[in-house]
């Protein structure tokens, strides 16, 4: 059974930093793009960041460019999201996603991901 398990969420003050991890099990995602999405209450799920299978290419949502960094460790089957200079509008449930096509580049489209984690809450206080 394929599982993606996010960790590292919590409460942080505006301007602070937080790191999320997503550990995959049940299959290797080393040949697949991975992504992070988020959903705030009453809003649609938004793209945050994505990373190619090799880690060589990344893509970010406009609202997080320059503040968030996605990375991966294929040996550990884990993807990370480093968040800095956080803002109250970053408050959301953050979801990790595993891509569909092998050897794929970063992708911002949710329907290009077949596997999703259960989400982790991130709250930024003002």
PDB file of N, CA and C in Angstrom:
ATOM      1  N   UNK A   1       0.838  -1.186   0.000  1.00  0.00           N
ATOM      2  CA  UNK A   1       0.000   0.000   0.000  1.00  0.00           C
ATOM      3  C   UNK A   1       0.882   1.249   0.000  1.00  0.00           C
ATOM      4  N   UNK A   2       0.617   2.127  -0.935  1.00  0.00           N
ATOM      5  CA  UNK A   2       1.405   3.343  -1.050  1.00  0.00           C
ATOM      6  C   UNK A   2       0.904   4.362  -0.034  1.00  0.00           C
ATOM      7  N   UNK A   3       1.853   4.928   0.685  1.00  0.00           N
ATOM      8  CA  UNK A   3       1.507   5.961   1.654  1.00  0.00           C
ATOM      9  C   UNK A   3       2.469   7.132   1.557  1.00  0.00           C
ATOM     10  N   UNK A   4       1.923   8.320   1.682  1.00  0.00           N
ATOM     11  CA  UNK A   4       2.703   9.544   1.817  1.00  0.00           C
ATOM     12  C   UNK A   4       2.324  10.145   3.154  1.00  0.00           C
ATOM     13  N   UNK A   5       3.314  10.348   4.004  1.00  0.00           N
ATOM     14  CA  UNK A   5       3.033  10.844   5.350  1.00  0.00           C
ATOM     15  C   UNK A   5       3.793  12.139   5.577  1.00  0.00           C
ATOM     16  N   UNK A   6       3.035  13.217   5.748  1.00  0.00           N
ATOM     17  CA  UNK A   6       3.635  14.520   6.007  1.00  0.00           C
ATOM     18  C   UNK A   6       3.898  14.682   7.493  1.00  0.00           C
ATOM     19  N   UNK A   7       4.911  15.466   7.802  1.00  0.00           N
ATOM     20  CA  UNK A   7       5.204  15.808   9.189  1.00  0.00           C
ATOM     21  C   UNK A   7       5.870  17.173   9.225  1.00  0.00           C
ATOM     22  N   UNK A   8       5.884  17.755  10.406  1.00  0.00           N
ATOM     23  CA  UNK A   8       6.569  19.023  10.589  1.00  0.00           C
ATOM     24  C   UNK A   8       5.664  20.233  10.671  1.00  0.00           C
ATOM     25  N   UNK A   9       4.374  20.044  10.487  1.00  0.00           N
ATOM     26  CA  UNK A   9       3.467  21.173  10.600  1.00  0.00           C
ATOM     27  C   UNK A   9       3.363  21.673  12.027  1.00  0.00           C
ATOM     28  N   UNK A  10       2.759  22.848  12.173  1.00  0.00           N
ATOM     29  CA  UNK A  10       2.596  23.410  13.500  1.00  0.00           C
ATOM     30  C   UNK A  10       2.288  24.875  13.448  1.00  0.00           C
ATOM     31  N   UNK A  11       2.520  25.537  14.564  1.00  0.00           N
ATOM     32  CA  UNK A  11       2.247  26.960  14.715  1.00  0.00           C
ATOM     33  C   UNK A  11       3.549  27.733  14.695  1.00  0.00           C
ATOM     34  N   UNK A  12       3.570  28.801  13.907  1.00  0.00           N
ATOM     35  CA  UNK A  12       4.760  29.648  13.811  1.00  0.00           C
ATOM     36  C   UNK A  12       4.312  31.095  13.715  1.00  0.00           C
ATOM     37  N   UNK A  13       5.144  31.987  14.206  1.00  0.00           N
ATOM     38  CA  UNK A  13       4.827  33.406  14.104  1.00  0.00           C
ATOM     39  C   UNK A  13       5.182  33.930  12.720  1.00  0.00           C
ATOM     40  N   UNK A  14       4.514  34.977  12.326  1.00  0.00           N
ATOM     41  CA  UNK A  14       4.824  35.619  11.058  1.00  0.00           C
ATOM     42  C   UNK A  14       6.301  36.011  11.023  1.00  0.00           C
ATOM     43  N   UNK A  15       6.916  35.733   9.879  1.00  0.00           N
ATOM     44  CA  UNK A  15       8.335  35.989   9.732  1.00  0.00           C
ATOM     45  C   UNK A  15       9.213  34.808  10.093  1.00  0.00           C
ATOM     46  N   UNK A  16       8.611  33.806  10.686  1.00  0.00           N
ATOM     47  CA  UNK A  16       9.358  32.630  11.109  1.00  0.00           C
ATOM     48  C   UNK A  16       9.502  31.592  10.025  1.00  0.00           C
ATOM     49  N   UNK A  17      10.079  30.450  10.409  1.00  0.00           N
ATOM     50  CA  UNK A  17      10.360  29.364   9.470  1.00  0.00           C
ATOM     51  C   UNK A  17       9.797  28.048   9.985  1.00  0.00           C
ATOM     52  N   UNK A  18       9.535  27.185   9.025  1.00  0.00           N
ATOM     53  CA  UNK A  18       9.037  25.848   9.352  1.00  0.00           C
ATOM     54  C   UNK A  18       9.455  24.912   8.236  1.00  0.00           C
ATOM     55  N   UNK A  19       9.731  23.660   8.587  1.00  0.00           N
ATOM     56  CA  UNK A  19      10.107  22.676   7.584  1.00  0.00           C
ATOM     57  C   UNK A  19       9.137  21.505   7.613  1.00  0.00           C
ATOM     58  N   UNK A  20       8.707  21.105   6.453  1.00  0.00           N
ATOM     59  CA  UNK A  20       7.836  19.953   6.308  1.00  0.00           C
ATOM     60  C   UNK A  20       8.595  18.816   5.650  1.00  0.00           C
ATOM     61  N   UNK A  21       8.226  17.608   6.015  1.00  0.00           N
ATOM     62  CA  UNK A  21       8.777  16.418   5.379  1.00  0.00           C
ATOM     63  C   UNK A  21       7.630  15.546   4.902  1.00  0.00           C
ATOM     64  N   UNK A  22       7.904  14.779   3.873  1.00  0.00           N
ATOM     65  CA  UNK A  22       6.922  13.834   3.349  1.00  0.00           C
ATOM     66  C   UNK A  22       7.664  12.532   3.065  1.00  0.00           C
ATOM     67  N   UNK A  23       7.368  11.531   3.853  1.00  0.00           N
ATOM     68  CA  UNK A  23       8.013  10.238   3.693  1.00  0.00           C
ATOM     69  C   UNK A  23       7.085   9.288   2.944  1.00  0.00           C
ATOM     70  N   UNK A  24       7.609   8.697   1.901  1.00  0.00           N
ATOM     71  CA  UNK A  24       6.821   7.777   1.086  1.00  0.00           C
ATOM     72  C   UNK A  24       7.161   6.337   1.424  1.00  0.00           C
ATOM     73  N   UNK A  25       6.171   5.499   1.358  1.00  0.00           N
ATOM     74  CA  UNK A  25       6.385   4.072   1.570  1.00  0.00           C
ATOM     75  C   UNK A  25       5.469   3.298   0.634  1.00  0.00           C
ATOM     76  N   UNK A  26       5.796   2.062   0.409  1.00  0.00           N
ATOM     77  CA  UNK A  26       4.996   1.215  -0.454  1.00  0.00           C
ATOM     78  C   UNK A  26       5.478   1.170  -1.894  1.00  0.00           C
ATOM     79  N   UNK A  27       6.218   2.167  -2.297  1.00  0.00           N
ATOM     80  CA  UNK A  27       6.846   2.189  -3.623  1.00  0.00           C
ATOM     81  C   UNK A  27       7.898   3.275  -3.619  1.00  0.00           C
ATOM     82  N   UNK A  28       8.788   3.200  -4.585  1.00  0.00           N
ATOM     83  CA  UNK A  28       9.792   4.242  -4.724  1.00  0.00           C
ATOM     84  C   UNK A  28       9.263   5.351  -5.626  1.00  0.00           C
ATOM     85  N   UNK A  29       9.492   6.589  -5.185  1.00  0.00           N
ATOM     86  CA  UNK A  29       9.106   7.740  -5.996  1.00  0.00           C
ATOM     87  C   UNK A  29      10.320   8.395  -6.632  1.00  0.00           C
ATOM     88  N   UNK A  30      11.429   7.700  -6.638  1.00  0.00           N
ATOM     89  CA  UNK A  30      12.661   8.304  -7.135  1.00  0.00           C
ATOM     90  C   UNK A  30      12.585   8.654  -8.621  1.00  0.00           C
ATOM     91  N   UNK A  31      11.689   8.054  -9.357  1.00  0.00           N
ATOM     92  CA  UNK A  31      11.561   8.329 -10.783  1.00  0.00           C
ATOM     93  C   UNK A  31      10.373   9.241 -11.091  1.00  0.00           C
ATOM     94  N   UNK A  32       9.791   9.841 -10.067  1.00  0.00           N
ATOM     95  CA  UNK A  32       8.570  10.620 -10.252  1.00  0.00           C
ATOM     96  C   UNK A  32       8.691  12.001  -9.636  1.00  0.00           C
ATOM     97  N   UNK A  33       8.048  12.952 -10.264  1.00  0.00           N
ATOM     98  CA  UNK A  33       7.960  14.276  -9.666  1.00  0.00           C
ATOM     99  C   UNK A  33       7.166  14.211  -8.359  1.00  0.00           C
ATOM    100  N   UNK A  34       7.495  15.110  -7.463  1.00  0.00           N
ATOM    101  CA  UNK A  34       6.775  15.227  -6.205  1.00  0.00           C
ATOM    102  C   UNK A  34       6.339  16.669  -6.042  1.00  0.00           C
ATOM    103  N   UNK A  35       5.251  16.859  -5.326  1.00  0.00           N
ATOM    104  CA  UNK A  35       4.750  18.213  -5.165  1.00  0.00           C
ATOM    105  C   UNK A  35       4.180  18.478  -3.790  1.00  0.00           C
ATOM    106  N   UNK A  36       4.045  19.765  -3.510  1.00  0.00           N
ATOM    107  CA  UNK A  36       3.357  20.220  -2.311  1.00  0.00           C
ATOM    108  C   UNK A  36       2.206  21.123  -2.743  1.00  0.00           C
ATOM    109  N   UNK A  37       1.059  20.909  -2.138  1.00  0.00           N
ATOM    110  CA  UNK A  37      -0.111  21.744  -2.358  1.00  0.00           C
ATOM    111  C   UNK A  37      -0.643  22.160  -0.987  1.00  0.00           C
ATOM    112  N   UNK A  38      -1.488  23.165  -0.972  1.00  0.00           N
ATOM    113  CA  UNK A  38      -2.079  23.576   0.292  1.00  0.00           C
ATOM    114  C   UNK A  38      -3.522  23.998   0.093  1.00  0.00           C
ATOM    115  N   UNK A  39      -4.281  23.887   1.157  1.00  0.00           N
ATOM    116  CA  UNK A  39      -5.688  24.275   1.099  1.00  0.00           C
ATOM    117  C   UNK A  39      -6.069  24.974   2.396  1.00  0.00           C
ATOM    118  N   UNK A  40      -6.489  26.219   2.249  1.00  0.00           N
ATOM    119  CA  UNK A  40      -6.980  27.004   3.379  1.00  0.00           C
ATOM    120  C   UNK A  40      -8.484  26.796   3.508  1.00  0.00           C
ATOM    121  N   UNK A  41      -9.032  27.035   4.697  1.00  0.00           N
ATOM    122  CA  UNK A  41     -10.481  26.842   4.895  1.00  0.00           C
ATOM    123  C   UNK A  41     -11.302  27.655   3.913  1.00  0.00           C
ATOM    124  N   UNK A  42     -12.234  26.987   3.261  1.00  0.00           N
ATOM    125  CA  UNK A  42     -13.116  27.670   2.331  1.00  0.00           C
ATOM    126  C   UNK A  42     -12.508  27.999   0.982  1.00  0.00           C
ATOM    127  N   UNK A  43     -11.286  27.519   0.753  1.00  0.00           N
ATOM    128  CA  UNK A  43     -10.610  27.816  -0.517  1.00  0.00           C
ATOM    129  C   UNK A  43     -10.240  26.526  -1.244  1.00  0.00           C
ATOM    130  N   UNK A  44      -9.926  26.684  -2.514  1.00  0.00           N
ATOM    131  CA  UNK A  44      -9.513  25.531  -3.308  1.00  0.00           C
ATOM    132  C   UNK A  44      -8.057  25.156  -2.983  1.00  0.00           C
ATOM    133  N   UNK A  45      -7.713  23.942  -3.359  1.00  0.00           N
ATOM    134  CA  UNK A  45      -6.344  23.494  -3.155  1.00  0.00           C
ATOM    135  C   UNK A  45      -5.419  24.236  -4.125  1.00  0.00           C
ATOM    136  N   UNK A  46      -4.351  24.809  -3.608  1.00  0.00           N
ATOM    137  CA  UNK A  46      -3.417  25.603  -4.410  1.00  0.00           C
ATOM    138  C   UNK A  46      -2.067  24.910  -4.533  1.00  0.00           C
ATOM    139  N   UNK A  47      -1.447  25.146  -5.646  1.00  0.00           N
ATOM    140  CA  UNK A  47      -0.104  24.627  -5.882  1.00  0.00           C
ATOM    141  C   UNK A  47       0.901  25.431  -5.078  1.00  0.00           C
ATOM    142  N   UNK A  48       1.843  24.730  -4.435  1.00  0.00           N
ATOM    143  CA  UNK A  48       2.900  25.395  -3.677  1.00  0.00           C
ATOM    144  C   UNK A  48       4.251  25.208  -4.371  1.00  0.00           C
ATOM    145  N   UNK A  49       4.628  23.958  -4.576  1.00  0.00           N
ATOM    146  CA  UNK A  49       5.944  23.698  -5.157  1.00  0.00           C
ATOM    147  C   UNK A  49       5.988  22.282  -5.715  1.00  0.00           C
ATOM    148  N   UNK A  50       6.876  22.082  -6.688  1.00  0.00           N
ATOM    149  CA  UNK A  50       7.067  20.764  -7.264  1.00  0.00           C
ATOM    150  C   UNK A  50       8.530  20.578  -7.616  1.00  0.00           C
ATOM    151  N   UNK A  51       8.957  19.327  -7.650  1.00  0.00           N
ATOM    152  CA  UNK A  51      10.350  19.021  -7.951  1.00  0.00           C
ATOM    153  C   UNK A  51      10.403  17.830  -8.893  1.00  0.00           C
ATOM    154  N   UNK A  52      11.302  17.901  -9.862  1.00  0.00           N
ATOM    155  CA  UNK A  52      11.441  16.823 -10.826  1.00  0.00           C
ATOM    156  C   UNK A  52      11.979  15.560 -10.166  1.00  0.00           C
ATOM    157  N   UNK A  53      11.920  14.469 -10.903  1.00  0.00           N
ATOM    158  CA  UNK A  53      12.328  13.182 -10.344  1.00  0.00           C
ATOM    159  C   UNK A  53      13.772  13.201  -9.876  1.00  0.00           C
ATOM    160  N   UNK A  54      14.607  13.952 -10.556  1.00  0.00           N
ATOM    161  CA  UNK A  54      16.027  13.993 -10.214  1.00  0.00           C
ATOM    162  C   UNK A  54      16.350  15.053  -9.168  1.00  0.00           C
ATOM    163  N   UNK A  55      15.418  15.963  -8.959  1.00  0.00           N
ATOM    164  CA  UNK A  55      15.684  17.093  -8.081  1.00  0.00           C
ATOM    165  C   UNK A  55      16.330  18.264  -8.785  1.00  0.00           C
ATOM    166  N   UNK A  56      16.599  18.108 -10.064  1.00  0.00           N
ATOM    167  CA  UNK A  56      17.314  19.144 -10.791  1.00  0.00           C
ATOM    168  C   UNK A  56      16.463  20.333 -11.204  1.00  0.00           C
ATOM    169  N   UNK A  57      15.170  20.136 -11.241  1.00  0.00           N
ATOM    170  CA  UNK A  57      14.274  21.233 -11.618  1.00  0.00           C
ATOM    171  C   UNK A  57      13.184  21.403 -10.569  1.00  0.00           C
ATOM    172  N   UNK A  58      12.829  22.650 -10.332  1.00  0.00           N
ATOM    173  CA  UNK A  58      11.771  22.958  -9.380  1.00  0.00           C
ATOM    174  C   UNK A  58      10.821  23.994  -9.963  1.00  0.00           C
ATOM    175  N   UNK A  59       9.661  24.064  -9.369  1.00  0.00           N
ATOM    176  CA  UNK A  59       8.650  25.025  -9.791  1.00  0.00           C
ATOM    177  C   UNK A  59       7.905  25.457  -8.545  1.00  0.00           C
ATOM    178  N   UNK A  60       7.562  26.774  -8.492  1.00  0.00           N
ATOM    179  CA  UNK A  60       6.911  27.308  -7.304  1.00  0.00           C
ATOM    180  C   UNK A  60       5.688  28.127  -7.664  1.00  0.00           C
ATOM    181  N   UNK A  61       4.733  28.133  -6.752  1.00  0.00           N
ATOM    182  CA  UNK A  61       3.612  29.033  -6.899  1.00  0.00           C
ATOM    183  C   UNK A  61       4.076  30.464  -6.687  1.00  0.00           C
ATOM    184  N   UNK A  62       3.411  31.413  -7.319  1.00  0.00           N
ATOM    185  CA  UNK A  62       3.846  32.805  -7.271  1.00  0.00           C
ATOM    186  C   UNK A  62       3.902  33.336  -5.845  1.00  0.00           C
ATOM    187  N   UNK A  63       2.991  32.895  -4.993  1.00  0.00           N
ATOM    188  CA  UNK A  63       2.911  33.454  -3.649  1.00  0.00           C
ATOM    189  C   UNK A  63       4.030  32.973  -2.730  1.00  0.00           C
ATOM    190  N   UNK A  64       4.758  31.951  -3.136  1.00  0.00           N
ATOM    191  CA  UNK A  64       5.810  31.417  -2.257  1.00  0.00           C
ATOM    192  C   UNK A  64       7.210  31.536  -2.860  1.00  0.00           C
ATOM    193  N   UNK A  65       7.304  32.008  -4.083  1.00  0.00           N
ATOM    194  CA  UNK A  65       8.617  32.141  -4.722  1.00  0.00           C
ATOM    195  C   UNK A  65       9.549  32.999  -3.886  1.00  0.00           C
ATOM    196  N   UNK A  66      10.766  32.512  -3.710  1.00  0.00           N
ATOM    197  CA  UNK A  66      11.746  33.259  -2.949  1.00  0.00           C
ATOM    198  C   UNK A  66      11.670  33.021  -1.453  1.00  0.00           C
ATOM    199  N   UNK A  67      10.613  32.362  -0.999  1.00  0.00           N
ATOM    200  CA  UNK A  67      10.461  32.107   0.438  1.00  0.00           C
ATOM    201  C   UNK A  67      10.485  30.609   0.764  1.00  0.00           C
ATOM    202  N   UNK A  68       9.963  29.797  -0.137  1.00  0.00           N
ATOM    203  CA  UNK A  68       9.889  28.357   0.090  1.00  0.00           C
ATOM    204  C   UNK A  68      10.896  27.643  -0.808  1.00  0.00           C
ATOM    205  N   UNK A  69      11.411  26.525  -0.315  1.00  0.00           N
ATOM    206  CA  UNK A  69      12.340  25.703  -1.088  1.00  0.00           C
ATOM    207  C   UNK A  69      11.935  24.239  -0.978  1.00  0.00           C
ATOM    208  N   UNK A  70      11.768  23.621  -2.123  1.00  0.00           N
ATOM    209  CA  UNK A  70      11.462  22.187  -2.149  1.00  0.00           C
ATOM    210  C   UNK A  70      12.738  21.421  -2.473  1.00  0.00           C
ATOM    211  N   UNK A  71      12.899  20.274  -1.842  1.00  0.00           N
ATOM    212  CA  UNK A  71      14.049  19.421  -2.110  1.00  0.00           C
ATOM    213  C   UNK A  71      13.632  17.972  -1.890  1.00  0.00           C
ATOM    214  N   UNK A  72      14.518  17.067  -2.280  1.00  0.00           N
ATOM    215  CA  UNK A  72      14.177  15.658  -2.112  1.00  0.00           C
ATOM    216  C   UNK A  72      15.438  14.841  -1.854  1.00  0.00           C
ATOM    217  N   UNK A  73      15.232  13.713  -1.208  1.00  0.00           N
ATOM    218  CA  UNK A  73      16.305  12.757  -0.974  1.00  0.00           C
ATOM    219  C   UNK A  73      15.767  11.415  -1.464  1.00  0.00           C
ATOM    220  N   UNK A  74      16.141  11.028  -2.661  1.00  0.00           N
ATOM    221  CA  UNK A  74      15.589   9.812  -3.252  1.00  0.00           C
ATOM    222  C   UNK A  74      16.030   8.563  -2.500  1.00  0.00           C
ATOM    223  N   UNK A  75      17.177   8.609  -1.891  1.00  0.00           N
ATOM    224  CA  UNK A  75      17.629   7.455  -1.105  1.00  0.00           C
ATOM    225  C   UNK A  75      16.714   7.215   0.089  1.00  0.00           C
ATOM    226  N   UNK A  76      16.121   8.286   0.594  1.00  0.00           N
ATOM    227  CA  UNK A  76      15.214   8.175   1.738  1.00  0.00           C
ATOM    228  C   UNK A  76      13.752   8.194   1.318  1.00  0.00           C
ATOM    229  N   UNK A  77      13.525   8.328  -0.002  1.00  0.00           N
ATOM    230  CA  UNK A  77      12.152   8.383  -0.508  1.00  0.00           C
ATOM    231  C   UNK A  77      11.353   9.476   0.186  1.00  0.00           C
ATOM    232  N   UNK A  78      11.988  10.630   0.339  1.00  0.00           N
ATOM    233  CA  UNK A  78      11.421  11.727   1.121  1.00  0.00           C
ATOM    234  C   UNK A  78      11.568  13.038   0.367  1.00  0.00           C
ATOM    235  N   UNK A  79      10.537  13.864   0.485  1.00  0.00           N
ATOM    236  CA  UNK A  79      10.575  15.207  -0.092  1.00  0.00           C
ATOM    237  C   UNK A  79      10.359  16.212   1.037  1.00  0.00           C
ATOM    238  N   UNK A  80      10.968  17.374   0.897  1.00  0.00           N
ATOM    239  CA  UNK A  80      10.951  18.374   1.950  1.00  0.00           C
ATOM    240  C   UNK A  80      10.420  19.704   1.415  1.00  0.00           C
ATOM    241  N   UNK A  81       9.921  20.510   2.332  1.00  0.00           N
ATOM    242  CA  UNK A  81       9.527  21.873   2.003  1.00  0.00           C
ATOM    243  C   UNK A  81      10.022  22.780   3.115  1.00  0.00           C
ATOM    244  N   UNK A  82      11.000  23.595   2.791  1.00  0.00           N
ATOM    245  CA  UNK A  82      11.522  24.574   3.739  1.00  0.00           C
ATOM    246  C   UNK A  82      10.781  25.883   3.518  1.00  0.00           C
ATOM    247  N   UNK A  83      10.157  26.391   4.584  1.00  0.00           N
ATOM    248  CA  UNK A  83       9.360  27.607   4.479  1.00  0.00           C
ATOM    249  C   UNK A  83       9.985  28.697   5.341  1.00  0.00           C
ATOM    250  N   UNK A  84      10.230  29.854   4.750  1.00  0.00           N
ATOM    251  CA  UNK A  84      10.833  30.977   5.460  1.00  0.00           C
ATOM    252  C   UNK A  84       9.984  32.213   5.264  1.00  0.00           C
ATOM    253  N   UNK A  85      10.251  33.222   6.082  1.00  0.00           N
ATOM    254  CA  UNK A  85       9.528  34.504   5.994  1.00  0.00           C
ATOM    255  C   UNK A  85       8.036  34.261   5.865  1.00  0.00           C
ATOM    256  N   UNK A  86       7.537  33.459   6.733  1.00  0.00           N
ATOM    257  CA  UNK A  86       6.156  33.019   6.606  1.00  0.00           C
ATOM    258  C   UNK A  86       5.171  34.127   6.927  1.00  0.00           C
ATOM    259  N   UNK A  87       4.015  34.040   6.287  1.00  0.00           N
ATOM    260  CA  UNK A  87       2.974  35.048   6.425  1.00  0.00           C
ATOM    261  C   UNK A  87       1.681  34.379   6.907  1.00  0.00           C
ATOM    262  N   UNK A  88       0.805  35.151   7.527  1.00  0.00           N
ATOM    263  CA  UNK A  88      -0.474  34.566   7.954  1.00  0.00           C
ATOM    264  C   UNK A  88      -1.235  33.903   6.812  1.00  0.00           C
ATOM    265  N   UNK A  89      -1.093  34.425   5.608  1.00  0.00           N
ATOM    266  CA  UNK A  89      -1.785  33.833   4.460  1.00  0.00           C
ATOM    267  C   UNK A  89      -1.197  32.495   4.031  1.00  0.00           C
ATOM    268  N   UNK A  90      -0.095  32.070   4.644  1.00  0.00           N
ATOM    269  CA  UNK A  90       0.433  30.727   4.391  1.00  0.00           C
ATOM    270  C   UNK A  90      -0.303  29.668   5.214  1.00  0.00           C
ATOM    271  N   UNK A  91      -1.163  30.123   6.106  1.00  0.00           N
ATOM    272  CA  UNK A  91      -1.927  29.187   6.936  1.00  0.00           C
ATOM    273  C   UNK A  91      -2.812  28.300   6.077  1.00  0.00           C
ATOM    274  N   UNK A  92      -2.644  26.990   6.223  1.00  0.00           N
ATOM    275  CA  UNK A  92      -3.397  26.032   5.415  1.00  0.00           C
ATOM    276  C   UNK A  92      -3.024  24.616   5.852  1.00  0.00           C
ATOM    277  N   UNK A  93      -3.743  23.672   5.313  1.00  0.00           N
ATOM    278  CA  UNK A  93      -3.315  22.276   5.398  1.00  0.00           C
ATOM    279  C   UNK A  93      -2.426  22.001   4.190  1.00  0.00           C
ATOM    280  N   UNK A  94      -1.249  21.482   4.444  1.00  0.00           N
ATOM    281  CA  UNK A  94      -0.281  21.239   3.376  1.00  0.00           C
ATOM    282  C   UNK A  94      -0.270  19.747   3.043  1.00  0.00           C
ATOM    283  N   UNK A  95      -0.359  19.484   1.736  1.00  0.00           N
ATOM    284  CA  UNK A  95      -0.422  18.114   1.246  1.00  0.00           C
ATOM    285  C   UNK A  95       0.776  17.799   0.358  1.00  0.00           C
ATOM    286  N   UNK A  96       1.309  16.631   0.558  1.00  0.00           N
ATOM    287  CA  UNK A  96       2.356  16.100  -0.297  1.00  0.00           C
ATOM    288  C   UNK A  96       1.701  15.245  -1.385  1.00  0.00           C
ATOM    289  N   UNK A  97       2.289  15.249  -2.578  1.00  0.00           N
ATOM    290  CA  UNK A  97       1.703  14.490  -3.681  1.00  0.00           C
ATOM    291  C   UNK A  97       2.788  13.802  -4.498  1.00  0.00           C
ATOM    292  N   UNK A  98       2.482  12.590  -4.940  1.00  0.00           N
ATOM    293  CA  UNK A  98       3.387  11.824  -5.773  1.00  0.00           C
ATOM    294  C   UNK A  98       2.927  11.796  -7.215  1.00  0.00           C
ATOM    295  N   UNK A  99       3.845  12.108  -8.129  1.00  0.00           N
ATOM    296  CA  UNK A  99       3.487  12.273  -9.525  1.00  0.00           C
ATOM    297  C   UNK A  99       3.101  10.996 -10.249  1.00  0.00           C
ATOM    298  N   UNK A 100       2.514  11.182 -11.415  1.00  0.00           N
ATOM    299  CA  UNK A 100       1.968  10.084 -12.204  1.00  0.00           C
ATOM    300  C   UNK A 100       2.970   9.509 -13.193  1.00  0.00           C
ATOM    301  N   UNK A 101       3.617  10.359 -13.987  1.00  0.00           N
ATOM    302  CA  UNK A 101       4.483   9.883 -15.059  1.00  0.00           C
ATOM    303  C   UNK A 101       5.932   9.758 -14.628  1.00  0.00           C
ATOM    304  N   UNK A 102       6.557   8.668 -15.015  1.00  0.00           N
ATOM    305  CA  UNK A 102       7.964   8.469 -14.681  1.00  0.00           C
ATOM    306  C   UNK A 102       8.849   9.462 -15.425  1.00  0.00           C
ATOM    307  N   UNK A 103       9.940   9.815 -14.781  1.00  0.00           N
ATOM    308  CA  UNK A 103      10.953  10.702 -15.349  1.00  0.00           C
ATOM    309  C   UNK A 103      10.371  12.073 -15.692  1.00  0.00           C
ATOM    310  N   UNK A 104       9.430  12.501 -14.887  1.00  0.00           N
ATOM    311  CA  UNK A 104       8.715  13.741 -15.178  1.00  0.00           C
ATOM    312  C   UNK A 104       9.358  14.950 -14.506  1.00  0.00           C
ATOM    313  N   UNK A 105       9.077  16.108 -15.084  1.00  0.00           N
ATOM    314  CA  UNK A 105       9.522  17.361 -14.512  1.00  0.00           C
ATOM    315  C   UNK A 105       8.529  17.873 -13.498  1.00  0.00           C
ATOM    316  N   UNK A 106       8.819  19.007 -12.885  1.00  0.00           N
ATOM    317  CA  UNK A 106       7.891  19.576 -11.910  1.00  0.00           C
ATOM    318  C   UNK A 106       6.587  19.974 -12.578  1.00  0.00           C
ATOM    319  N   UNK A 107       5.498  19.835 -11.846  1.00  0.00           N
ATOM    320  CA  UNK A 107       4.188  20.094 -12.431  1.00  0.00           C
ATOM    321  C   UNK A 107       3.271  20.722 -11.402  1.00  0.00           C
ATOM    322  N   UNK A 108       2.566  21.755 -11.797  1.00  0.00           N
ATOM    323  CA  UNK A 108       1.679  22.466 -10.874  1.00  0.00           C
ATOM    324  C   UNK A 108       0.237  21.963 -10.915  1.00  0.00           C
ATOM    325  N   UNK A 109      -0.065  21.012 -11.767  1.00  0.00           N
ATOM    326  CA  UNK A 109      -1.436  20.550 -11.952  1.00  0.00           C
ATOM    327  C   UNK A 109      -1.760  19.389 -11.016  1.00  0.00           C
ATOM    328  N   UNK A 110      -2.739  19.564 -10.152  1.00  0.00           N
ATOM    329  CA  UNK A 110      -3.077  18.497  -9.195  1.00  0.00           C
ATOM    330  C   UNK A 110      -3.436  17.173  -9.873  1.00  0.00           C
ATOM    331  N   UNK A 111      -4.021  17.224 -11.046  1.00  0.00           N
ATOM    332  CA  UNK A 111      -4.443  15.976 -11.687  1.00  0.00           C
ATOM    333  C   UNK A 111      -3.287  15.201 -12.298  1.00  0.00           C
ATOM    334  N   UNK A 112      -2.076  15.731 -12.185  1.00  0.00           N
ATOM    335  CA  UNK A 112      -0.890  14.988 -12.611  1.00  0.00           C
ATOM    336  C   UNK A 112      -0.265  14.202 -11.475  1.00  0.00           C
ATOM    337  N   UNK A 113      -0.947  14.178 -10.337  1.00  0.00           N
ATOM    338  CA  UNK A 113      -0.454  13.452  -9.173  1.00  0.00           C
ATOM    339  C   UNK A 113      -1.447  12.349  -8.802  1.00  0.00           C
ATOM    340  N   UNK A 114      -0.919  11.165  -8.605  1.00  0.00           N
ATOM    341  CA  UNK A 114      -1.773  10.024  -8.293  1.00  0.00           C
ATOM    342  C   UNK A 114      -1.882   9.730  -6.806  1.00  0.00           C
ATOM    343  N   UNK A 115      -0.901  10.154  -6.036  1.00  0.00           N
ATOM    344  CA  UNK A 115      -0.867   9.790  -4.625  1.00  0.00           C
ATOM    345  C   UNK A 115      -0.808  11.054  -3.773  1.00  0.00           C
ATOM    346  N   UNK A 116      -1.564  11.026  -2.687  1.00  0.00           N
ATOM    347  CA  UNK A 116      -1.660  12.186  -1.806  1.00  0.00           C
ATOM    348  C   UNK A 116      -1.527  11.777  -0.349  1.00  0.00           C
ATOM    349  N   UNK A 117      -0.863  12.633   0.425  1.00  0.00           N
ATOM    350  CA  UNK A 117      -0.804  12.419   1.848  1.00  0.00           C
ATOM    351  C   UNK A 117      -2.069  12.908   2.531  1.00  0.00           C
ATOM    352  N   UNK A 118      -2.106  12.727   3.843  1.00  0.00           N
ATOM    353  CA  UNK A 118      -3.301  13.109   4.594  1.00  0.00           C
ATOM    354  C   UNK A 118      -3.299  14.587   4.973  1.00  0.00           C
ATOM    355  N   UNK A 119      -2.163  15.234   4.816  1.00  0.00           N
ATOM    356  CA  UNK A 119      -2.070  16.652   5.095  1.00  0.00           C
ATOM    357  C   UNK A 119      -1.541  16.953   6.489  1.00  0.00           C
ATOM    358  N   UNK A 120      -0.909  18.091   6.622  1.00  0.00           N
ATOM    359  CA  UNK A 120      -0.428  18.563   7.922  1.00  0.00           C
ATOM    360  C   UNK A 120      -0.778  20.045   8.048  1.00  0.00           C
ATOM    361  N   UNK A 121      -1.262  20.425   9.209  1.00  0.00           N
ATOM    362  CA  UNK A 121      -1.711  21.803   9.420  1.00  0.00           C
ATOM    363  C   UNK A 121      -0.528  22.719   9.690  1.00  0.00           C
ATOM    364  N   UNK A 122      -0.515  23.829   8.994  1.00  0.00           N
ATOM    365  CA  UNK A 122       0.458  24.897   9.238  1.00  0.00           C
ATOM    366  C   UNK A 122      -0.331  26.157   9.565  1.00  0.00           C
ATOM    367  N   UNK A 123      -0.026  26.746  10.692  1.00  0.00           N
ATOM    368  CA  UNK A 123      -0.705  27.958  11.120  1.00  0.00           C
ATOM    369  C   UNK A 123       0.330  29.038  11.393  1.00  0.00           C
ATOM    370  N   UNK A 124       0.150  30.194  10.754  1.00  0.00           N
ATOM    371  CA  UNK A 124       1.058  31.322  10.935  1.00  0.00           C
ATOM    372  C   UNK A 124       0.292  32.424  11.654  1.00  0.00           C
ATOM    373  N   UNK A 125       0.761  32.783  12.821  1.00  0.00           N
ATOM    374  CA  UNK A 125       0.084  33.828  13.598  1.00  0.00           C
ATOM    375  C   UNK A 125       0.691  35.189  13.298  1.00  0.00           C
ATOM    376  N   UNK A 126      -0.161  36.196  13.358  1.00  0.00           N
ATOM    377  CA  UNK A 126       0.312  37.560  13.033  1.00  0.00           C
ATOM    378  C   UNK A 126       0.821  38.277  14.273  1.00  0.00           C
TER     379      UNK A 126
END
